[in-house]
Amino acid sequence: MKEKFTVLLGIDVETDVGSFTPFYEGVRNGVPLLLDLLAGFGVKGTFYFTGDAARQNSGIARFTVKSGNEIGYHSLYHETVGDELFPIPGEKPLLPHEVEPRLKIAADWIFEACGVRPVSFRAPRLWGGTPVVNALEKLGYVSDASYPMYFHRKRFVPYYPSRNNWLDEGDGAVLEIPNFADMTMESKDAPLERDRDPWPAFRTEGADVEELKKLIGGLFRLGGEFKTAMEIAADFAGGSFIQSPFKNE
């Protein structure tokens, strides 16, 4: 009998090429294809919308909700909300006191676009931080999928972080879900080891639909059970969560 394991399909919904263009061709043309693909396999994922992506593409956001997938959020404008791992020209991290209000605005914009309040978060570029998880806890969120396994290389399963240092285990209420990285390969990108992270390959080499079908089918055959970030957080909490149709107050 195959050993079961949990799979979270997280899709960041943002401007084309992250922070560097104002366009939403990928959102308008790609998200419906992804929703159809997931429906064909009978699985759900978490779609992490920036506040601006939801505001400018409310029809796509509502369609995502109606499909039964989870709406998460991904900052206001795909900005650096947490710890900067390497410098990007023209990009400056938010100051710690800016994090909570901007996360709240992003969540409110998503609510206004699609009528549900997100409870799951992923930081742009996986640049999370202690002020981020503490702000998420204050705002009532249940999961954060920002831990970059390729960089920190210490956490391989979900954990509850410390309120003093998000990289340590502690008594925080927001479940931290590490992002997959291939820790078996020999990295050629010292010291960052970003080549362990599959995301850049999807962005630079393309994410062919047929290849995605092979990936999902292969995970199924290996014993993968597909869950949303909210469902994973509920499993760890021993209860259940719903996306409520009301704003954070």
Protein backbone atom coordinates (compact mmCIF):
# COMPACT_ATOMS: atom_id res chain seq x y z
CA MET A 1 0.00 0.00 0.00
CA LYS A 2 1.36 3.41 -0.98
CA GLU A 3 2.12 5.88 1.76
CA LYS A 4 -0.09 8.94 1.46
CA PHE A 5 1.31 12.46 1.44
CA THR A 6 -0.29 15.89 1.17
CA VAL A 7 0.11 18.10 -1.90
CA LEU A 8 -0.61 21.84 -1.90
CA LEU A 9 -0.91 23.39 -5.35
CA GLY A 10 -0.30 27.10 -4.77
CA ILE A 11 -0.73 29.50 -7.70
CA ASP A 12 0.42 33.11 -7.36
CA VAL A 13 -1.93 35.47 -9.20
CA GLU A 14 -0.14 38.71 -10.00
CA THR A 15 1.07 40.93 -12.83
CA ASP A 16 3.06 39.33 -15.62
CA VAL A 17 6.70 38.92 -14.52
CA GLY A 18 5.95 39.74 -10.91
CA SER A 19 6.70 43.33 -9.97
CA PHE A 20 8.09 44.42 -13.32
CA THR A 21 5.08 44.94 -15.61
CA PRO A 22 1.54 46.31 -15.16
CA PHE A 23 -0.07 43.64 -17.36
CA TYR A 24 -2.46 40.81 -16.44
CA GLU A 25 -2.44 38.60 -19.53
CA GLY A 26 -1.41 35.57 -17.46
CA VAL A 27 -4.28 36.13 -15.02
CA ARG A 28 -6.93 36.65 -17.68
CA ASN A 29 -5.84 33.83 -19.99
CA GLY A 30 -4.00 31.45 -17.68
CA VAL A 31 -6.13 31.19 -14.54
CA PRO A 32 -9.22 29.83 -16.37
CA LEU A 33 -7.02 27.18 -18.02
CA LEU A 34 -5.59 26.19 -14.65
CA LEU A 35 -9.05 26.00 -13.09
CA ASP A 36 -10.21 23.71 -15.90
CA LEU A 37 -7.09 21.59 -15.51
CA LEU A 38 -7.61 21.12 -11.78
CA ALA A 39 -11.30 20.39 -12.29
CA GLY A 40 -10.39 17.66 -14.76
CA PHE A 41 -8.39 15.90 -12.04
CA GLY A 42 -10.99 16.62 -9.37
CA VAL A 43 -8.48 18.53 -7.21
CA LYS A 44 -8.39 21.98 -5.62
CA GLY A 45 -5.59 24.47 -5.12
CA THR A 46 -4.98 27.80 -3.40
CA PHE A 47 -4.84 30.81 -5.71
CA TYR A 48 -2.85 33.59 -4.02
CA PHE A 49 -4.15 36.87 -5.50
CA THR A 50 -2.50 40.20 -4.91
CA GLY A 51 -5.03 42.80 -3.85
CA ASP A 52 -4.50 44.65 -7.12
CA ALA A 53 -4.89 41.48 -9.21
CA ALA A 54 -8.25 40.77 -7.59
CA ARG A 55 -9.37 44.40 -7.93
CA GLN A 56 -8.50 44.59 -11.62
CA ASN A 57 -9.72 41.08 -12.43
CA SER A 58 -12.76 40.67 -10.22
CA GLY A 59 -14.46 38.34 -12.71
CA ILE A 60 -11.51 35.93 -12.53
CA ALA A 61 -11.48 36.16 -8.73
CA ARG A 62 -15.20 35.37 -8.53
CA PHE A 63 -14.79 32.51 -11.02
CA THR A 64 -12.04 31.08 -8.83
CA VAL A 65 -14.31 31.17 -5.78
CA LYS A 66 -17.22 29.57 -7.69
CA SER A 67 -14.91 26.77 -8.85
CA GLY A 68 -14.44 25.68 -5.24
CA ASN A 69 -10.74 26.54 -5.10
CA GLU A 70 -9.37 28.62 -2.26
CA ILE A 71 -8.65 32.33 -2.63
CA GLY A 72 -5.51 33.28 -0.75
CA TYR A 73 -3.61 36.51 -0.93
CA HIS A 74 -0.19 37.62 -2.03
CA SER A 75 0.32 41.20 -0.73
CA LEU A 76 -1.11 44.41 -2.13
CA TYR A 77 1.06 45.02 -5.23
CA HIS A 78 3.52 42.09 -5.26
CA GLU A 79 5.85 43.98 -2.95
CA THR A 80 8.56 42.88 -0.54
CA VAL A 81 6.70 42.47 2.74
CA GLY A 82 9.29 40.42 4.62
CA ASP A 83 13.02 39.75 4.84
CA GLU A 84 14.95 40.62 1.68
CA LEU A 85 17.09 37.61 0.73
CA PHE A 86 18.96 39.39 -2.05
CA PRO A 87 18.77 42.91 -3.48
CA ILE A 88 16.51 43.75 -6.44
CA PRO A 89 17.12 47.12 -8.14
CA GLY A 90 14.27 49.51 -7.47
CA GLU A 91 12.62 47.26 -4.87
CA LYS A 92 12.64 48.23 -1.20
CA PRO A 93 11.10 46.12 1.59
CA LEU A 94 8.18 47.48 3.57
CA LEU A 95 9.03 48.86 6.98
CA PRO A 96 7.76 46.61 9.82
CA HIS A 97 5.00 49.06 10.81
CA GLU A 98 3.73 49.15 7.21
CA VAL A 99 3.14 45.40 6.96
CA GLU A 100 -0.11 44.94 8.89
CA PRO A 101 -2.09 47.85 7.37
CA ARG A 102 -1.08 46.94 3.81
CA LEU A 103 -1.96 43.29 4.34
CA LYS A 104 -5.36 44.37 5.66
CA ILE A 105 -5.96 46.61 2.63
CA ALA A 106 -5.03 43.74 0.29
CA ALA A 107 -7.47 41.40 2.03
CA ASP A 108 -10.23 44.03 1.87
CA TRP A 109 -9.67 44.52 -1.86
CA ILE A 110 -9.98 40.78 -2.40
CA PHE A 111 -13.19 40.73 -0.38
CA GLU A 112 -14.60 43.58 -2.43
CA ALA A 113 -13.69 41.75 -5.64
CA CYS A 114 -15.06 38.28 -4.88
CA GLY A 115 -17.01 38.39 -1.62
CA VAL A 116 -14.83 36.16 0.56
CA ARG A 117 -12.19 36.92 3.15
CA PRO A 118 -8.87 35.14 2.53
CA VAL A 119 -7.30 33.16 5.39
CA SER A 120 -4.14 31.95 3.63
CA PHE A 121 -1.12 33.97 2.54
CA ARG A 122 2.09 33.62 0.58
CA ALA A 123 4.69 36.38 0.41
CA PRO A 124 5.99 37.56 -2.95
CA ARG A 125 9.31 35.86 -3.78
CA LEU A 126 8.81 33.76 -0.59
CA TRP A 127 10.28 36.67 1.36
CA GLY A 128 8.38 36.24 4.59
CA GLY A 129 9.32 37.44 8.04
CA THR A 130 8.44 37.69 11.70
CA PRO A 131 6.41 40.94 11.31
CA VAL A 132 4.47 39.24 8.53
CA VAL A 133 3.38 36.15 10.48
CA ASN A 134 2.57 38.27 13.53
CA ALA A 135 0.42 40.59 11.40
CA LEU A 136 -1.33 37.62 9.81
CA GLU A 137 -2.15 36.24 13.24
CA LYS A 138 -3.64 39.57 14.35
CA LEU A 139 -5.75 39.68 11.20
CA GLY A 140 -7.12 36.18 11.74
CA TYR A 141 -5.26 34.18 9.09
CA VAL A 142 -4.54 30.49 9.48
CA SER A 143 -1.67 29.69 7.08
CA ASP A 144 1.40 31.24 5.53
CA ALA A 145 3.16 29.41 2.69
CA SER A 146 6.21 31.68 2.54
CA TYR A 147 9.06 29.57 3.97
CA PRO A 148 11.69 29.21 1.19
CA MET A 149 13.07 25.73 1.70
CA TYR A 150 15.74 26.26 -0.96
CA PHE A 151 17.28 29.10 1.08
CA HIS A 152 16.88 28.26 4.77
CA ARG A 153 17.08 24.44 4.34
CA LYS A 154 15.92 23.56 7.86
CA ARG A 155 12.13 23.16 7.72
CA PHE A 156 10.64 20.43 5.54
CA VAL A 157 7.18 20.01 7.08
CA PRO A 158 4.59 22.55 8.29
CA TYR A 159 5.14 24.08 11.73
CA TYR A 160 3.83 26.82 14.00
CA PRO A 161 6.44 29.62 14.18
CA SER A 162 7.71 31.59 17.11
CA ARG A 163 6.36 35.13 17.43
CA ASN A 164 9.95 36.26 18.06
CA ASN A 165 11.55 34.54 15.06
CA TRP A 166 9.40 33.01 12.33
CA LEU A 167 12.16 30.55 11.40
CA ASP A 168 11.92 28.84 14.81
CA GLU A 169 9.10 26.69 16.10
CA GLY A 170 6.94 28.37 18.72
CA ASP A 171 3.42 29.11 19.88
CA GLY A 172 2.20 31.25 16.99
CA ALA A 173 -1.26 30.49 15.59
CA VAL A 174 -0.49 30.74 11.86
CA LEU A 175 0.68 27.47 10.30
CA GLU A 176 3.87 27.94 8.27
CA ILE A 177 3.91 25.72 5.16
CA PRO A 178 7.37 25.32 3.55
CA ASN A 179 7.59 25.60 -0.22
CA PHE A 180 8.99 22.58 -2.01
CA ALA A 181 12.60 22.56 -3.18
CA ASP A 182 14.67 19.69 -4.56
CA MET A 183 17.09 19.12 -1.69
CA THR A 184 18.57 16.01 -3.34
CA MET A 185 20.10 17.77 -6.34
CA GLU A 186 23.57 19.30 -6.46
CA SER A 187 23.05 23.05 -6.58
CA LYS A 188 25.04 25.15 -9.04
CA ASP A 189 23.81 28.43 -7.58
CA ALA A 190 25.81 28.95 -4.38
CA PRO A 191 25.16 30.55 -1.96
CA LEU A 192 21.44 31.12 -2.69
CA GLU A 193 20.79 27.67 -4.21
CA ARG A 194 17.75 29.07 -5.99
CA ASP A 195 18.02 26.35 -8.66
CA ARG A 196 16.50 23.94 -6.11
CA ASP A 197 13.25 25.95 -6.35
CA PRO A 198 11.11 24.87 -9.37
CA TRP A 199 9.42 28.27 -9.72
CA PRO A 200 12.11 30.01 -11.85
CA ALA A 201 12.06 27.12 -14.33
CA PHE A 202 8.29 27.48 -14.75
CA ARG A 203 8.74 31.21 -15.34
CA THR A 204 11.73 31.00 -17.74
CA GLU A 205 11.12 27.69 -19.52
CA GLY A 206 7.34 27.75 -19.52
CA ALA A 207 4.67 25.75 -17.74
CA ASP A 208 3.24 23.59 -20.53
CA VAL A 209 -0.27 22.30 -19.79
CA GLU A 210 0.68 18.77 -20.80
CA GLU A 211 3.65 18.83 -18.44
CA LEU A 212 1.40 20.02 -15.62
CA LYS A 213 -0.96 17.15 -16.37
CA LYS A 214 1.96 14.72 -16.12
CA LEU A 215 3.04 16.30 -12.83
CA ILE A 216 -0.40 16.10 -11.21
CA GLY A 217 -1.00 12.59 -12.55
CA GLY A 218 2.39 11.46 -11.28
CA LEU A 219 1.72 12.84 -7.81
CA PHE A 220 -1.61 11.00 -7.78
CA ARG A 221 0.06 7.72 -8.68
CA LEU A 222 2.64 8.19 -5.94
CA GLY A 223 -0.10 8.61 -3.32
CA GLY A 224 -0.57 12.38 -3.25
CA GLU A 225 -3.68 13.82 -1.60
CA PHE A 226 -4.40 17.33 -2.85
CA LYS A 227 -5.55 19.90 -0.32
CA THR A 228 -5.82 23.67 -0.09
CA ALA A 229 -3.71 25.66 2.35
CA MET A 230 -6.81 26.27 4.45
CA GLU A 231 -7.53 22.53 4.61
CA ILE A 232 -3.96 21.75 5.65
CA ALA A 233 -4.17 24.35 8.41
CA ALA A 234 -7.45 22.80 9.57
CA ASP A 235 -5.85 19.35 9.70
CA PHE A 236 -3.08 20.65 11.95
CA ALA A 237 -5.54 22.56 14.14
CA GLY A 238 -7.83 19.57 14.47
CA GLY A 239 -10.87 21.43 13.21
CA SER A 240 -12.14 23.22 10.12
CA PHE A 241 -12.01 26.68 8.59
CA ILE A 242 -14.22 28.46 6.07
CA GLN A 243 -13.75 31.52 3.92
CA SER A 244 -16.20 33.93 5.53
CA PRO A 245 -18.14 36.48 3.46
CA PHE A 246 -17.18 39.49 5.56
CA LYS A 247 -14.35 41.99 5.92
CA ASN A 248 -11.69 42.14 8.58
CA GLU A 249 -12.68 44.80 11.04
